[in-house]
Structure formats: structure tokens, C-alpha cells
Full PDB file with SEQRES, HELIX, SHEET, SSBOND, CRYST1, ORIGX, SCALE, CONECT and MASTER records, all heavy atoms in Angstrom:
SEQRES   1 A   31  ASP ASP PHE GLY THR GLY TYR SER SER LEU GLU GLN LEU          
SEQRES   2 A   31  ARG ASN LEU PRO PHE ASP ARG ILE LYS ILE ASP ARG SER          
SEQRES   3 A   31  PHE ILE SER GLU LEU                                          
HELIX    1 AA1 LEU A   10  ASN A   15  1                                   6    
HELIX    2 AA2 ARG A   25  ILE A   28  1                                   4    
CRYST1    1.000    1.000    1.000  90.00  90.00  90.00 P 1           1          
ORIGX1      1.000000  0.000000  0.000000        0.00000                         
ORIGX2      0.000000  1.000000  0.000000        0.00000                         
ORIGX3      0.000000  0.000000  1.000000        0.00000                         
SCALE1      1.000000  0.000000  0.000000        0.00000                         
SCALE2      0.000000  1.000000  0.000000        0.00000                         
SCALE3      0.000000  0.000000  1.000000        0.00000                         
ATOM      1  N   ASP A   1     117.383  29.918  74.061  1.00  0.00           N  
ATOM      2  CA  ASP A   1     117.218  28.652  73.338  1.00  0.00           C  
ATOM      3  C   ASP A   1     117.644  27.467  74.199  1.00  0.00           C  
ATOM      4  O   ASP A   1     118.489  27.597  75.098  1.00  0.00           O  
ATOM      5  CB  ASP A   1     118.043  28.703  72.052  1.00  0.00           C  
ATOM      6  CG  ASP A   1     117.643  27.635  71.061  1.00  0.00           C  
ATOM      7  OD1 ASP A   1     116.554  27.056  71.215  1.00  0.00           O  
ATOM      8  OD2 ASP A   1     118.435  27.371  70.125  1.00  0.00           O  
ATOM      9  N   ASP A   2     117.085  26.297  73.892  1.00  0.00           N  
ATOM     10  CA  ASP A   2     117.447  25.030  74.551  1.00  0.00           C  
ATOM     11  C   ASP A   2     117.348  25.143  76.066  1.00  0.00           C  
ATOM     12  O   ASP A   2     118.213  24.628  76.803  1.00  0.00           O  
ATOM     13  CB  ASP A   2     118.862  24.594  74.155  1.00  0.00           C  
ATOM     14  CG  ASP A   2     118.993  24.356  72.660  1.00  0.00           C  
ATOM     15  OD1 ASP A   2     117.970  24.067  72.021  1.00  0.00           O  
ATOM     16  OD2 ASP A   2     120.116  24.461  72.126  1.00  0.00           O  
ATOM     17  N   PHE A   3     116.324  25.808  76.549  1.00  0.00           N  
ATOM     18  CA  PHE A   3     116.209  26.026  77.994  1.00  0.00           C  
ATOM     19  C   PHE A   3     116.104  24.689  78.730  1.00  0.00           C  
ATOM     20  O   PHE A   3     115.367  23.792  78.339  1.00  0.00           O  
ATOM     21  CB  PHE A   3     114.989  26.888  78.318  1.00  0.00           C  
ATOM     22  CG  PHE A   3     114.824  27.156  79.789  1.00  0.00           C  
ATOM     23  CD1 PHE A   3     115.645  28.063  80.420  1.00  0.00           C  
ATOM     24  CD2 PHE A   3     113.874  26.478  80.543  1.00  0.00           C  
ATOM     25  CE1 PHE A   3     115.508  28.306  81.782  1.00  0.00           C  
ATOM     26  CE2 PHE A   3     113.736  26.718  81.897  1.00  0.00           C  
ATOM     27  CZ  PHE A   3     114.560  27.628  82.512  1.00  0.00           C  
ATOM     28  N   GLY A   4     116.853  24.605  79.830  1.00  0.00           N  
ATOM     29  CA  GLY A   4     116.839  23.401  80.658  1.00  0.00           C  
ATOM     30  C   GLY A   4     118.054  22.529  80.473  1.00  0.00           C  
ATOM     31  O   GLY A   4     118.322  21.644  81.295  1.00  0.00           O  
ATOM     32  N   THR A   5     118.828  22.776  79.396  1.00  0.00           N  
ATOM     33  CA  THR A   5     120.011  21.948  79.146  1.00  0.00           C  
ATOM     34  C   THR A   5     121.272  22.566  79.721  1.00  0.00           C  
ATOM     35  O   THR A   5     122.315  21.919  79.750  1.00  0.00           O  
ATOM     36  CB  THR A   5     120.211  21.738  77.636  1.00  0.00           C  
ATOM     37  OG1 THR A   5     120.393  23.015  77.001  1.00  0.00           O  
ATOM     38  CG2 THR A   5     119.004  21.050  77.036  1.00  0.00           C  
ATOM     39  N   GLY A   6     121.211  23.827  80.163  1.00  0.00           N  
ATOM     40  CA  GLY A   6     122.390  24.499  80.694  1.00  0.00           C  
ATOM     41  C   GLY A   6     122.250  24.782  82.167  1.00  0.00           C  
ATOM     42  O   GLY A   6     121.654  24.006  82.913  1.00  0.00           O  
ATOM     43  N   TYR A   7     122.755  25.955  82.586  1.00  0.00           N  
ATOM     44  CA  TYR A   7     122.797  26.267  84.011  1.00  0.00           C  
ATOM     45  C   TYR A   7     122.271  27.670  84.297  1.00  0.00           C  
ATOM     46  O   TYR A   7     122.789  28.388  85.128  1.00  0.00           O  
ATOM     47  CB  TYR A   7     124.238  26.155  84.536  1.00  0.00           C  
ATOM     48  CG  TYR A   7     124.835  24.786  84.327  1.00  0.00           C  
ATOM     49  CD1 TYR A   7     125.620  24.528  83.205  1.00  0.00           C  
ATOM     50  CD2 TYR A   7     124.595  23.754  85.225  1.00  0.00           C  
ATOM     51  CE1 TYR A   7     126.165  23.266  83.000  1.00  0.00           C  
ATOM     52  CE2 TYR A   7     125.126  22.496  85.026  1.00  0.00           C  
ATOM     53  CZ  TYR A   7     125.918  22.263  83.918  1.00  0.00           C  
ATOM     54  OH  TYR A   7     126.444  21.021  83.707  1.00  0.00           O  
ATOM     55  N   SER A   8     121.211  28.050  83.582  1.00  0.00           N  
ATOM     56  CA  SER A   8     120.633  29.366  83.836  1.00  0.00           C  
ATOM     57  C   SER A   8     120.029  29.406  85.238  1.00  0.00           C  
ATOM     58  O   SER A   8     119.345  28.475  85.659  1.00  0.00           O  
ATOM     59  CB  SER A   8     119.537  29.676  82.809  1.00  0.00           C  
ATOM     60  OG  SER A   8     120.093  29.796  81.527  1.00  0.00           O  
ATOM     61  N   SER A   9     120.293  30.487  85.931  1.00  0.00           N  
ATOM     62  CA  SER A   9     119.708  30.656  87.254  1.00  0.00           C  
ATOM     63  C   SER A   9     118.454  31.521  87.136  1.00  0.00           C  
ATOM     64  O   SER A   9     118.259  32.248  86.155  1.00  0.00           O  
ATOM     65  CB  SER A   9     120.705  31.336  88.198  1.00  0.00           C  
ATOM     66  OG  SER A   9     120.967  32.661  87.770  1.00  0.00           O  
ATOM     67  N   LEU A  10     117.606  31.427  88.140  1.00  0.00           N  
ATOM     68  CA  LEU A  10     116.405  32.257  88.150  1.00  0.00           C  
ATOM     69  C   LEU A  10     116.783  33.731  88.168  1.00  0.00           C  
ATOM     70  O   LEU A  10     116.073  34.562  87.594  1.00  0.00           O  
ATOM     71  CB  LEU A  10     115.543  31.904  89.369  1.00  0.00           C  
ATOM     72  CG  LEU A  10     114.946  30.488  89.377  1.00  0.00           C  
ATOM     73  CD1 LEU A  10     114.173  30.265  90.672  1.00  0.00           C  
ATOM     74  CD2 LEU A  10     114.049  30.270  88.169  1.00  0.00           C  
ATOM     75  N   GLU A  11     117.889  34.052  88.807  1.00  0.00           N  
ATOM     76  CA  GLU A  11     118.339  35.440  88.855  1.00  0.00           C  
ATOM     77  C   GLU A  11     118.662  35.950  87.458  1.00  0.00           C  
ATOM     78  O   GLU A  11     118.310  37.084  87.090  1.00  0.00           O  
ATOM     79  CB  GLU A  11     119.570  35.547  89.761  1.00  0.00           C  
ATOM     80  CG  GLU A  11     120.095  36.966  89.953  1.00  0.00           C  
ATOM     81  CD  GLU A  11     119.159  37.816  90.806  1.00  0.00           C  
ATOM     82  OE1 GLU A  11     118.274  37.233  91.473  1.00  0.00           O  
ATOM     83  OE2 GLU A  11     119.313  39.046  90.795  1.00  0.00           O  
ATOM     84  N   GLN A  12     119.310  35.100  86.651  1.00  0.00           N  
ATOM     85  CA  GLN A  12     119.639  35.501  85.291  1.00  0.00           C  
ATOM     86  C   GLN A  12     118.381  35.688  84.451  1.00  0.00           C  
ATOM     87  O   GLN A  12     118.263  36.646  83.687  1.00  0.00           O  
ATOM     88  CB  GLN A  12     120.553  34.460  84.644  1.00  0.00           C  
ATOM     89  CG  GLN A  12     121.976  34.462  85.197  1.00  0.00           C  
ATOM     90  CD  GLN A  12     122.799  33.313  84.655  1.00  0.00           C  
ATOM     91  OE1 GLN A  12     122.261  32.287  84.267  1.00  0.00           O  
ATOM     92  NE2 GLN A  12     124.109  33.480  84.634  1.00  0.00           N  
ATOM     93  N   LEU A  13     117.434  34.774  84.598  1.00  0.00           N  
ATOM     94  CA  LEU A  13     116.190  34.894  83.842  1.00  0.00           C  
ATOM     95  C   LEU A  13     115.413  36.148  84.241  1.00  0.00           C  
ATOM     96  O   LEU A  13     114.747  36.769  83.417  1.00  0.00           O  
ATOM     97  CB  LEU A  13     115.322  33.659  84.057  1.00  0.00           C  
ATOM     98  CG  LEU A  13     115.782  32.363  83.378  1.00  0.00           C  
ATOM     99  CD1 LEU A  13     114.870  31.211  83.778  1.00  0.00           C  
ATOM    100  CD2 LEU A  13     115.786  32.526  81.871  1.00  0.00           C  
ATOM    101  N   ARG A  14     115.505  36.498  85.500  1.00  0.00           N  
ATOM    102  CA  ARG A  14     114.755  37.668  85.978  1.00  0.00           C  
ATOM    103  C   ARG A  14     115.424  38.967  85.549  1.00  0.00           C  
ATOM    104  O   ARG A  14     114.744  39.947  85.212  1.00  0.00           O  
ATOM    105  CB  ARG A  14     114.641  37.627  87.505  1.00  0.00           C  
ATOM    106  CG  ARG A  14     113.741  38.700  88.090  1.00  0.00           C  
ATOM    107  CD  ARG A  14     113.521  38.466  89.565  1.00  0.00           C  
ATOM    108  NE  ARG A  14     114.755  38.590  90.323  1.00  0.00           N  
ATOM    109  CZ  ARG A  14     115.228  39.754  90.795  1.00  0.00           C  
ATOM    110  NH1 ARG A  14     114.542  40.871  90.590  1.00  0.00           N  
ATOM    111  NH2 ARG A  14     116.340  39.791  91.479  1.00  0.00           N  
ATOM    112  N   ASN A  15     116.768  38.976  85.522  1.00  0.00           N  
ATOM    113  CA  ASN A  15     117.488  40.217  85.247  1.00  0.00           C  
ATOM    114  C   ASN A  15     117.788  40.439  83.767  1.00  0.00           C  
ATOM    115  O   ASN A  15     117.885  41.585  83.322  1.00  0.00           O  
ATOM    116  CB  ASN A  15     118.808  40.249  86.032  1.00  0.00           C  
ATOM    117  CG  ASN A  15     118.567  40.386  87.526  1.00  0.00           C  
ATOM    118  OD1 ASN A  15     117.543  40.918  87.948  1.00  0.00           O  
ATOM    119  ND2 ASN A  15     119.504  39.905  88.330  1.00  0.00           N  
ATOM    120  N   LEU A  16     117.956  39.364  83.008  1.00  0.00           N  
ATOM    121  CA  LEU A  16     118.253  39.527  81.594  1.00  0.00           C  
ATOM    122  C   LEU A  16     116.953  39.736  80.822  1.00  0.00           C  
ATOM    123  O   LEU A  16     115.962  39.033  81.053  1.00  0.00           O  
ATOM    124  CB  LEU A  16     118.988  38.303  81.052  1.00  0.00           C  
ATOM    125  CG  LEU A  16     120.428  38.141  81.554  1.00  0.00           C  
ATOM    126  CD1 LEU A  16     121.010  36.817  81.084  1.00  0.00           C  
ATOM    127  CD2 LEU A  16     121.303  39.296  81.082  1.00  0.00           C  
ATOM    128  N   PRO A  17     116.933  40.672  79.904  1.00  0.00           N  
ATOM    129  CA  PRO A  17     115.673  41.043  79.224  1.00  0.00           C  
ATOM    130  C   PRO A  17     115.315  40.103  78.077  1.00  0.00           C  
ATOM    131  O   PRO A  17     115.320  40.485  76.908  1.00  0.00           O  
ATOM    132  CB  PRO A  17     115.976  42.460  78.710  1.00  0.00           C  
ATOM    133  CG  PRO A  17     117.452  42.474  78.478  1.00  0.00           C  
ATOM    134  CD  PRO A  17     118.040  41.578  79.529  1.00  0.00           C  
ATOM    135  N   PHE A  18     114.978  38.850  78.394  1.00  0.00           N  
ATOM    136  CA  PHE A  18     114.550  37.921  77.356  1.00  0.00           C  
ATOM    137  C   PHE A  18     113.084  38.176  77.000  1.00  0.00           C  
ATOM    138  O   PHE A  18     112.279  38.636  77.826  1.00  0.00           O  
ATOM    139  CB  PHE A  18     114.708  36.471  77.825  1.00  0.00           C  
ATOM    140  CG  PHE A  18     116.140  36.028  77.929  1.00  0.00           C  
ATOM    141  CD1 PHE A  18     116.727  35.770  79.161  1.00  0.00           C  
ATOM    142  CD2 PHE A  18     116.906  35.867  76.789  1.00  0.00           C  
ATOM    143  CE1 PHE A  18     118.037  35.369  79.257  1.00  0.00           C  
ATOM    144  CE2 PHE A  18     118.228  35.461  76.878  1.00  0.00           C  
ATOM    145  CZ  PHE A  18     118.800  35.217  78.123  1.00  0.00           C  
ATOM    146  N   ASP A  19     112.745  37.843  75.749  1.00  0.00           N  
ATOM    147  CA  ASP A  19     111.371  37.975  75.286  1.00  0.00           C  
ATOM    148  C   ASP A  19     110.653  36.632  75.194  1.00  0.00           C  
ATOM    149  O   ASP A  19     109.431  36.593  75.082  1.00  0.00           O  
ATOM    150  CB  ASP A  19     111.339  38.632  73.896  1.00  0.00           C  
ATOM    151  CG  ASP A  19     111.895  40.034  73.920  1.00  0.00           C  
ATOM    152  OD1 ASP A  19     111.259  40.908  74.534  1.00  0.00           O  
ATOM    153  OD2 ASP A  19     112.980  40.266  73.334  1.00  0.00           O  
ATOM    154  N   ARG A  20     111.413  35.523  75.210  1.00  0.00           N  
ATOM    155  CA  ARG A  20     110.800  34.209  75.024  1.00  0.00           C  
ATOM    156  C   ARG A  20     111.745  33.126  75.542  1.00  0.00           C  
ATOM    157  O   ARG A  20     112.971  33.299  75.543  1.00  0.00           O  
ATOM    158  CB  ARG A  20     110.504  33.974  73.535  1.00  0.00           C  
ATOM    159  CG  ARG A  20     109.905  32.618  73.206  1.00  0.00           C  
ATOM    160  CD  ARG A  20     109.492  32.561  71.738  1.00  0.00           C  
ATOM    161  NE  ARG A  20     108.394  33.485  71.471  1.00  0.00           N  
ATOM    162  CZ  ARG A  20     107.122  33.195  71.640  1.00  0.00           C  
ATOM    163  NH1 ARG A  20     106.765  31.978  72.092  1.00  0.00           N  
ATOM    164  NH2 ARG A  20     106.186  34.074  71.368  1.00  0.00           N  
ATOM    165  N   ILE A  21     111.155  32.021  75.984  1.00  0.00           N  
ATOM    166  CA  ILE A  21     111.921  30.830  76.373  1.00  0.00           C  
ATOM    167  C   ILE A  21     111.553  29.704  75.413  1.00  0.00           C  
ATOM    168  O   ILE A  21     110.373  29.485  75.126  1.00  0.00           O  
ATOM    169  CB  ILE A  21     111.602  30.408  77.824  1.00  0.00           C  
ATOM    170  CG1 ILE A  21     112.125  31.445  78.817  1.00  0.00           C  
ATOM    171  CG2 ILE A  21     112.222  29.045  78.126  1.00  0.00           C  
ATOM    172  CD1 ILE A  21     111.773  31.137  80.261  1.00  0.00           C  
ATOM    173  N   LYS A  22     112.566  28.997  74.926  1.00  0.00           N  
ATOM    174  CA  LYS A  22     112.327  27.852  74.055  1.00  0.00           C  
ATOM    175  C   LYS A  22     112.659  26.582  74.835  1.00  0.00           C  
ATOM    176  O   LYS A  22     113.791  26.413  75.312  1.00  0.00           O  
ATOM    177  CB  LYS A  22     113.174  27.941  72.791  1.00  0.00           C  
ATOM    178  CG  LYS A  22     112.861  29.175  71.944  1.00  0.00           C  
ATOM    179  CD  LYS A  22     113.510  29.099  70.573  1.00  0.00           C  
ATOM    180  CE  LYS A  22     112.830  28.073  69.709  1.00  0.00           C  
ATOM    181  NZ  LYS A  22     113.346  28.076  68.322  1.00  0.00           N  
ATOM    182  N   ILE A  23     111.678  25.698  74.978  1.00  0.00           N  
ATOM    183  CA  ILE A  23     111.850  24.463  75.747  1.00  0.00           C  
ATOM    184  C   ILE A  23     112.606  23.459  74.872  1.00  0.00           C  
ATOM    185  O   ILE A  23     112.198  23.181  73.734  1.00  0.00           O  
ATOM    186  CB  ILE A  23     110.496  23.883  76.185  1.00  0.00           C  
ATOM    187  CG1 ILE A  23     109.668  24.958  76.881  1.00  0.00           C  
ATOM    188  CG2 ILE A  23     110.707  22.691  77.101  1.00  0.00           C  
ATOM    189  CD1 ILE A  23     108.237  24.519  77.183  1.00  0.00           C  
ATOM    190  N   ASP A  24     113.687  22.904  75.401  1.00  0.00           N  
ATOM    191  CA  ASP A  24     114.523  22.003  74.613  1.00  0.00           C  
ATOM    192  C   ASP A  24     113.767  20.744  74.199  1.00  0.00           C  
ATOM    193  O   ASP A  24     112.912  20.231  74.941  1.00  0.00           O  
ATOM    194  CB  ASP A  24     115.767  21.612  75.424  1.00  0.00           C  
ATOM    195  CG  ASP A  24     116.743  20.805  74.599  1.00  0.00           C  
ATOM    196  OD1 ASP A  24     117.345  21.364  73.664  1.00  0.00           O  
ATOM    197  OD2 ASP A  24     116.889  19.595  74.885  1.00  0.00           O  
ATOM    198  N   ARG A  25     114.101  20.233  73.003  1.00  0.00           N  
ATOM    199  CA  ARG A  25     113.405  19.071  72.451  1.00  0.00           C  
ATOM    200  C   ARG A  25     113.557  17.823  73.321  1.00  0.00           C  
ATOM    201  O   ARG A  25     112.707  16.934  73.279  1.00  0.00           O  
ATOM    202  CB  ARG A  25     113.932  18.780  71.035  1.00  0.00           C  
ATOM    203  CG  ARG A  25     115.399  18.413  70.961  1.00  0.00           C  
ATOM    204  CD  ARG A  25     115.827  18.158  69.512  1.00  0.00           C  
ATOM    205  NE  ARG A  25     115.699  19.354  68.711  1.00  0.00           N  
ATOM    206  CZ  ARG A  25     114.829  19.466  67.706  1.00  0.00           C  
ATOM    207  NH1 ARG A  25     114.022  18.448  67.429  1.00  0.00           N  
ATOM    208  NH2 ARG A  25     114.772  20.570  67.004  1.00  0.00           N  
ATOM    209  N   SER A  26     114.623  17.743  74.121  1.00  0.00           N  
ATOM    210  CA  SER A  26     114.809  16.564  74.977  1.00  0.00           C  
ATOM    211  C   SER A  26     113.691  16.451  76.015  1.00  0.00           C  
ATOM    212  O   SER A  26     113.290  15.342  76.387  1.00  0.00           O  
ATOM    213  CB  SER A  26     116.172  16.614  75.666  1.00  0.00           C  
ATOM    214  OG  SER A  26     116.268  17.749  76.509  1.00  0.00           O  
ATOM    215  N   PHE A  27     113.169  17.586  76.492  1.00  0.00           N  
ATOM    216  CA  PHE A  27     112.052  17.567  77.443  1.00  0.00           C  
ATOM    217  C   PHE A  27     110.729  17.310  76.728  1.00  0.00           C  
ATOM    218  O   PHE A  27     109.855  16.606  77.242  1.00  0.00           O  
ATOM    219  CB  PHE A  27     111.984  18.881  78.216  1.00  0.00           C  
ATOM    220  CG  PHE A  27     113.213  19.168  79.025  1.00  0.00           C  
ATOM    221  CD1 PHE A  27     114.001  20.275  78.757  1.00  0.00           C  
ATOM    222  CD2 PHE A  27     113.608  18.328  80.042  1.00  0.00           C  
ATOM    223  CE1 PHE A  27     115.140  20.540  79.484  1.00  0.00           C  
ATOM    224  CE2 PHE A  27     114.741  18.589  80.785  1.00  0.00           C  
ATOM    225  CZ  PHE A  27     115.517  19.688  80.504  1.00  0.00           C  
ATOM    226  N   ILE A  28     110.605  17.911  75.546  1.00  0.00           N  
ATOM    227  CA  ILE A  28     109.365  17.740  74.790  1.00  0.00           C  
ATOM    228  C   ILE A  28     109.167  16.279  74.397  1.00  0.00           C  
ATOM    229  O   ILE A  28     108.039  15.758  74.437  1.00  0.00           O  
ATOM    230  CB  ILE A  28     109.376  18.637  73.537  1.00  0.00           C  
ATOM    231  CG1 ILE A  28     109.474  20.106  73.951  1.00  0.00           C  
ATOM    232  CG2 ILE A  28     108.146  18.391  72.680  1.00  0.00           C  
ATOM    233  CD1 ILE A  28     108.331  20.585  74.802  1.00  0.00           C  
ATOM    234  N   SER A  29     110.243  15.581  74.051  1.00  0.00           N  
ATOM    235  CA  SER A  29     110.119  14.184  73.628  1.00  0.00           C  
ATOM    236  C   SER A  29     109.616  13.293  74.758  1.00  0.00           C  
ATOM    237  O   SER A  29     109.027  12.232  74.509  1.00  0.00           O  
ATOM    238  CB  SER A  29     111.469  13.669  73.118  1.00  0.00           C  
ATOM    239  OG  SER A  29     112.434  13.667  74.157  1.00  0.00           O  
ATOM    240  N   GLU A  30     109.821  13.700  76.017  1.00  0.00           N  
ATOM    241  CA  GLU A  30     109.369  12.902  77.155  1.00  0.00           C  
ATOM    242  C   GLU A  30     107.846  12.920  77.316  1.00  0.00           C  
ATOM    243  O   GLU A  30     107.293  12.135  78.096  1.00  0.00           O  
ATOM    244  CB  GLU A  30     110.025  13.399  78.442  1.00  0.00           C  
ATOM    245  CG  GLU A  30     111.532  13.148  78.476  1.00  0.00           C  
ATOM    246  CD  GLU A  30     112.152  13.626  79.776  1.00  0.00           C  
ATOM    247  OE1 GLU A  30     111.401  14.172  80.611  1.00  0.00           O  
ATOM    248  OE2 GLU A  30     113.364  13.448  79.943  1.00  0.00           O  
ATOM    249  N   LEU A  31     107.179  13.788  76.580  1.00  0.00           N  
ATOM    250  CA  LEU A  31     105.719  13.842  76.678  1.00  0.00           C  
ATOM    251  C   LEU A  31     105.062  12.591  76.105  1.00  0.00           C  
ATOM    252  O   LEU A  31     103.870  12.359  76.302  1.00  0.00           O  
ATOM    253  CB  LEU A  31     105.187  15.083  75.948  1.00  0.00           C  
ATOM    254  CG  LEU A  31     105.560  16.434  76.585  1.00  0.00           C  
ATOM    255  CD1 LEU A  31     105.043  17.580  75.751  1.00  0.00           C  
ATOM    256  CD2 LEU A  31     104.998  16.521  78.001  1.00  0.00           C  
TER     257      LEU A  31                                                      
MASTER        0    0    0    2    0    0    0    6  256    1    0    3          
END                                                                             
């Protein structure tokens, strides 16, 4: 959740078994 607001590394995203990424509303509002 809230992807982009924290400090997730690409290594964590690759190794942790997530099923989905949720783009934080702060980025969506910039559209």
C-alpha cells in the first residue's frame, strides 16, 4: 500500500511475494 511514500528497495519488491502494488494518491493527484 501507498507505494512510493516509503523506502522500499527493488530488492525487497523482487524478493517479497507481493501480489499487487497500490500507487499512493499523492502521485495520482499530480496527473
